[in-house]
Structures are given as structure tokens and as C-alpha cells.
């Protein structure tokens, strides 16, 4: 049986990514799943809304677990992630699209800030992220 070429490509992309690139991929994933959750709430698809909110919660949880608290900025990220986790729980309970939009706005902001941090530290940024808005 031949492996799915897209899955193989994605796996190779992840396995060859640097730590900063992986963090960027996690932000992108959280944004993607938050968008999917918003769409599901709009369509009153409670099950898919829940599934995608949980995916965002899991990504935020992972980001929190991997913070290196020896750096002062880690506490800032912890505060942001803690707030987002709380808002995601509220969004999942109420299926409130306005909360999801707020979370999505914060996720975009954190992602964009991360890209600026990568640039400031001369970390290569994949071309696919250069056009992000």
C-alpha cells in the first residue's frame, strides 16, 4: 500500500522544521481550527464546533506545556494562553461565535508577533507565511 503523498509531505515538513517553525505551525493550526469552529457554530453544527474548539484547546495546552519559564516573556505567553483557554471553554459551553472571533483575533495577533520575533532573531520564515495578513 502506497502512503498518502500529502500526508508524507506534511510529515516531512514537520520533522524538518525548527522549533520556531513548529510554533508557527501550531499557531496556524489553532487559527485553522478556530475558523472551522466558527463556521460550524454559524451552521449550528454543534458536534463539529465542539471537535474543532477542542483541537484549539489542545494546541493551546501544548503551547502552555512547552513554555520555558526561565525566560521573562514566557509568563506573558502563559497569561495569554491561560486567557485563551478560559475563553475557549466558555465558547464551547455556549457555542458563542463572538467569543470564537475574539479568540481568533488574539491567535492572529500572537501568530503575527511570533513572525516578528522570528524575523528579529534571523530565523528563516517559510515563504507561505510571508503573505499572511
C-alpha atoms as a PDB file:
ATOM      1  CA  UNK A   1       0.000   0.000   0.000  1.00  0.00           C
ATOM      2  CA  UNK A   2       1.379   3.395  -1.038  1.00  0.00           C
ATOM      3  CA  UNK A   3       1.391   6.118   1.609  1.00  0.00           C
ATOM      4  CA  UNK A   4      -0.681   9.241   1.021  1.00  0.00           C
ATOM      5  CA  UNK A   5       1.751  11.672  -0.666  1.00  0.00           C
ATOM      6  CA  UNK A   6       0.207  14.704   1.070  1.00  0.00           C
ATOM      7  CA  UNK A   7       0.486  13.041   4.492  1.00  0.00           C
ATOM      8  CA  UNK A   8       4.082  12.091   3.692  1.00  0.00           C
ATOM      9  CA  UNK A   9       4.868  15.679   2.627  1.00  0.00           C
ATOM     10  CA  UNK A  10       3.240  17.092   5.781  1.00  0.00           C
ATOM     11  CA  UNK A  11       5.130  14.634   7.973  1.00  0.00           C
ATOM     12  CA  UNK A  12       8.435  15.559   6.285  1.00  0.00           C
ATOM     13  CA  UNK A  13       7.647  19.266   6.700  1.00  0.00           C
ATOM     14  CA  UNK A  14       7.009  18.809  10.424  1.00  0.00           C
ATOM     15  CA  UNK A  15      10.015  16.561  11.006  1.00  0.00           C
ATOM     16  CA  UNK A  16      12.398  19.006   9.313  1.00  0.00           C
ATOM     17  CA  UNK A  17      11.002  22.170  10.935  1.00  0.00           C
ATOM     18  CA  UNK A  18      12.905  24.147  13.550  1.00  0.00           C
ATOM     19  CA  UNK A  19      11.394  24.847  16.975  1.00  0.00           C
ATOM     20  CA  UNK A  20      10.270  28.342  15.962  1.00  0.00           C
ATOM     21  CA  UNK A  21       8.751  26.968  12.744  1.00  0.00           C
ATOM     22  CA  UNK A  22       6.867  24.312  14.712  1.00  0.00           C
ATOM     23  CA  UNK A  23       5.463  27.000  16.995  1.00  0.00           C
ATOM     24  CA  UNK A  24       4.355  28.932  13.929  1.00  0.00           C
ATOM     25  CA  UNK A  25       2.685  25.777  12.546  1.00  0.00           C
ATOM     26  CA  UNK A  26       0.847  25.344  15.855  1.00  0.00           C
ATOM     27  CA  UNK A  27      -0.462  28.912  15.674  1.00  0.00           C
ATOM     28  CA  UNK A  28      -1.586  28.295  12.105  1.00  0.00           C
ATOM     29  CA  UNK A  29      -3.331  25.094  13.164  1.00  0.00           C
ATOM     30  CA  UNK A  30      -5.099  26.850  16.033  1.00  0.00           C
ATOM     31  CA  UNK A  31      -6.299  29.574  13.649  1.00  0.00           C
ATOM     32  CA  UNK A  32      -7.486  26.988  11.128  1.00  0.00           C
ATOM     33  CA  UNK A  33      -9.461  25.029  13.731  1.00  0.00           C
ATOM     34  CA  UNK A  34     -10.871  28.214  15.246  1.00  0.00           C
ATOM     35  CA  UNK A  35     -12.108  29.216  11.776  1.00  0.00           C
ATOM     36  CA  UNK A  36     -13.660  25.773  11.373  1.00  0.00           C
ATOM     37  CA  UNK A  37     -15.335  26.085  14.782  1.00  0.00           C
ATOM     38  CA  UNK A  38     -16.753  29.489  13.831  1.00  0.00           C
ATOM     39  CA  UNK A  39     -18.158  28.046  10.604  1.00  0.00           C
ATOM     40  CA  UNK A  40     -19.670  25.116  12.460  1.00  0.00           C
ATOM     41  CA  UNK A  41     -21.332  27.410  15.025  1.00  0.00           C
ATOM     42  CA  UNK A  42     -22.771  29.506  12.185  1.00  0.00           C
ATOM     43  CA  UNK A  43     -24.240  26.338  10.671  1.00  0.00           C
ATOM     44  CA  UNK A  44     -25.486  25.186  14.098  1.00  0.00           C
ATOM     45  CA  UNK A  45     -23.280  22.084  13.728  1.00  0.00           C
ATOM     46  CA  UNK A  46     -22.709  21.576  17.441  1.00  0.00           C
ATOM     47  CA  UNK A  47     -20.634  18.407  17.090  1.00  0.00           C
ATOM     48  CA  UNK A  48     -18.100  19.881  14.656  1.00  0.00           C
ATOM     49  CA  UNK A  49     -17.981  23.118  16.633  1.00  0.00           C
ATOM     50  CA  UNK A  50     -17.067  21.095  19.737  1.00  0.00           C
ATOM     51  CA  UNK A  51     -14.493  18.967  17.898  1.00  0.00           C
ATOM     52  CA  UNK A  52     -12.698  21.996  16.477  1.00  0.00           C
ATOM     53  CA  UNK A  53     -12.806  24.023  19.707  1.00  0.00           C
ATOM     54  CA  UNK A  54     -11.216  21.051  21.483  1.00  0.00           C
ATOM     55  CA  UNK A  55      -8.489  20.966  18.822  1.00  0.00           C
ATOM     56  CA  UNK A  56      -7.719  24.636  19.513  1.00  0.00           C
ATOM     57  CA  UNK A  57      -7.775  23.920  23.266  1.00  0.00           C
ATOM     58  CA  UNK A  58      -5.301  21.059  22.755  1.00  0.00           C
ATOM     59  CA  UNK A  59      -2.920  23.254  20.767  1.00  0.00           C
ATOM     60  CA  UNK A  60      -3.079  25.992  23.408  1.00  0.00           C
ATOM     61  CA  UNK A  61      -2.500  23.360  26.095  1.00  0.00           C
ATOM     62  CA  UNK A  62       0.562  22.077  24.256  1.00  0.00           C
ATOM     63  CA  UNK A  63       1.931  25.600  23.815  1.00  0.00           C
ATOM     64  CA  UNK A  64       1.484  26.173  27.558  1.00  0.00           C
ATOM     65  CA  UNK A  65       3.247  22.920  28.438  1.00  0.00           C
ATOM     66  CA  UNK A  66       6.258  23.753  26.292  1.00  0.00           C
ATOM     67  CA  UNK A  67       6.877  27.250  27.660  1.00  0.00           C
ATOM     68  CA  UNK A  68      10.372  27.692  29.038  1.00  0.00           C
ATOM     69  CA  UNK A  69       9.690  29.680  32.193  1.00  0.00           C
ATOM     70  CA  UNK A  70      13.353  30.687  32.596  1.00  0.00           C
ATOM     71  CA  UNK A  71      12.595  33.475  30.099  1.00  0.00           C
ATOM     72  CA  UNK A  72      10.669  36.517  31.327  1.00  0.00           C
ATOM     73  CA  UNK A  73       8.436  36.620  28.259  1.00  0.00           C
ATOM     74  CA  UNK A  74       7.242  33.084  28.975  1.00  0.00           C
ATOM     75  CA  UNK A  75       4.990  34.443  31.728  1.00  0.00           C
ATOM     76  CA  UNK A  76       3.433  36.841  29.207  1.00  0.00           C
ATOM     77  CA  UNK A  77       2.680  33.919  26.891  1.00  0.00           C
ATOM     78  CA  UNK A  78       1.346  31.901  29.825  1.00  0.00           C
ATOM     79  CA  UNK A  79      -1.054  34.746  30.656  1.00  0.00           C
ATOM     80  CA  UNK A  80      -2.257  34.904  27.054  1.00  0.00           C
ATOM     81  CA  UNK A  81      -2.630  31.129  26.745  1.00  0.00           C
ATOM     82  CA  UNK A  82      -4.434  30.910  30.086  1.00  0.00           C
ATOM     83  CA  UNK A  83      -6.891  33.578  28.992  1.00  0.00           C
ATOM     84  CA  UNK A  84      -7.463  31.903  25.621  1.00  0.00           C
ATOM     85  CA  UNK A  85      -8.005  28.526  27.292  1.00  0.00           C
ATOM     86  CA  UNK A  86     -10.620  30.059  29.567  1.00  0.00           C
ATOM     87  CA  UNK A  87     -12.385  31.775  26.669  1.00  0.00           C
ATOM     88  CA  UNK A  88     -12.369  28.549  24.635  1.00  0.00           C
ATOM     89  CA  UNK A  89     -14.088  26.701  27.474  1.00  0.00           C
ATOM     90  CA  UNK A  90     -16.735  29.431  27.571  1.00  0.00           C
ATOM     91  CA  UNK A  91     -17.116  29.306  23.780  1.00  0.00           C
ATOM     92  CA  UNK A  92     -17.515  25.543  23.834  1.00  0.00           C
ATOM     93  CA  UNK A  93     -20.146  25.608  26.573  1.00  0.00           C
ATOM     94  CA  UNK A  94     -22.223  28.327  24.926  1.00  0.00           C
ATOM     95  CA  UNK A  95     -21.185  27.814  21.266  1.00  0.00           C
ATOM     96  CA  UNK A  96     -20.745  31.587  21.182  1.00  0.00           C
ATOM     97  CA  UNK A  97     -19.345  32.771  17.854  1.00  0.00           C
ATOM     98  CA  UNK A  98     -18.372  36.172  19.287  1.00  0.00           C
ATOM     99  CA  UNK A  99     -16.044  34.500  21.796  1.00  0.00           C
ATOM    100  CA  UNK A 100     -14.542  32.414  18.981  1.00  0.00           C
ATOM    101  CA  UNK A 101     -13.987  35.554  16.901  1.00  0.00           C
ATOM    102  CA  UNK A 102     -12.246  37.182  19.873  1.00  0.00           C
ATOM    103  CA  UNK A 103     -10.018  34.125  20.360  1.00  0.00           C
ATOM    104  CA  UNK A 104      -9.263  34.075  16.638  1.00  0.00           C
ATOM    105  CA  UNK A 105      -8.254  37.746  16.728  1.00  0.00           C
ATOM    106  CA  UNK A 106      -5.863  37.010  19.608  1.00  0.00           C
ATOM    107  CA  UNK A 107      -4.465  33.958  17.791  1.00  0.00           C
ATOM    108  CA  UNK A 108      -3.743  36.071  14.709  1.00  0.00           C
ATOM    109  CA  UNK A 109      -2.057  38.697  16.868  1.00  0.00           C
ATOM    110  CA  UNK A 110       0.136  36.146  18.668  1.00  0.00           C
ATOM    111  CA  UNK A 111       0.999  34.462  15.356  1.00  0.00           C
ATOM    112  CA  UNK A 112       1.943  37.793  13.787  1.00  0.00           C
ATOM    113  CA  UNK A 113       4.028  38.724  16.834  1.00  0.00           C
ATOM    114  CA  UNK A 114       5.773  35.341  16.634  1.00  0.00           C
ATOM    115  CA  UNK A 115       6.653  36.010  12.985  1.00  0.00           C
ATOM    116  CA  UNK A 116       8.177  39.352  14.026  1.00  0.00           C
ATOM    117  CA  UNK A 117      10.180  37.599  16.780  1.00  0.00           C
ATOM    118  CA  UNK A 118      11.437  35.095  14.220  1.00  0.00           C
ATOM    119  CA  UNK A 119      12.454  37.928  11.868  1.00  0.00           C
ATOM    120  CA  UNK A 120      14.207  39.829  14.686  1.00  0.00           C
ATOM    121  CA  UNK A 121      16.200  36.709  15.518  1.00  0.00           C
ATOM    122  CA  UNK A 122      17.058  35.982  11.877  1.00  0.00           C
ATOM    123  CA  UNK A 123      15.076  32.743  11.902  1.00  0.00           C
ATOM    124  CA  UNK A 124      14.079  31.781   8.369  1.00  0.00           C
ATOM    125  CA  UNK A 125      10.355  32.160   7.791  1.00  0.00           C
ATOM    126  CA  UNK A 126       8.774  29.833   5.216  1.00  0.00           C
ATOM    127  CA  UNK A 127       7.554  31.725   2.128  1.00  0.00           C
ATOM    128  CA  UNK A 128       3.987  30.525   2.747  1.00  0.00           C
ATOM    129  CA  UNK A 129       3.866  32.771   5.845  1.00  0.00           C
ATOM    130  CA  UNK A 130       5.238  35.892   4.214  1.00  0.00           C
ATOM    131  CA  UNK A 131       1.894  36.894   2.672  1.00  0.00           C
ATOM    132  CA  UNK A 132      -0.177  36.263   5.820  1.00  0.00           C
ATOM    133  CA  UNK A 133      -2.307  39.116   6.999  1.00  0.00           C
END
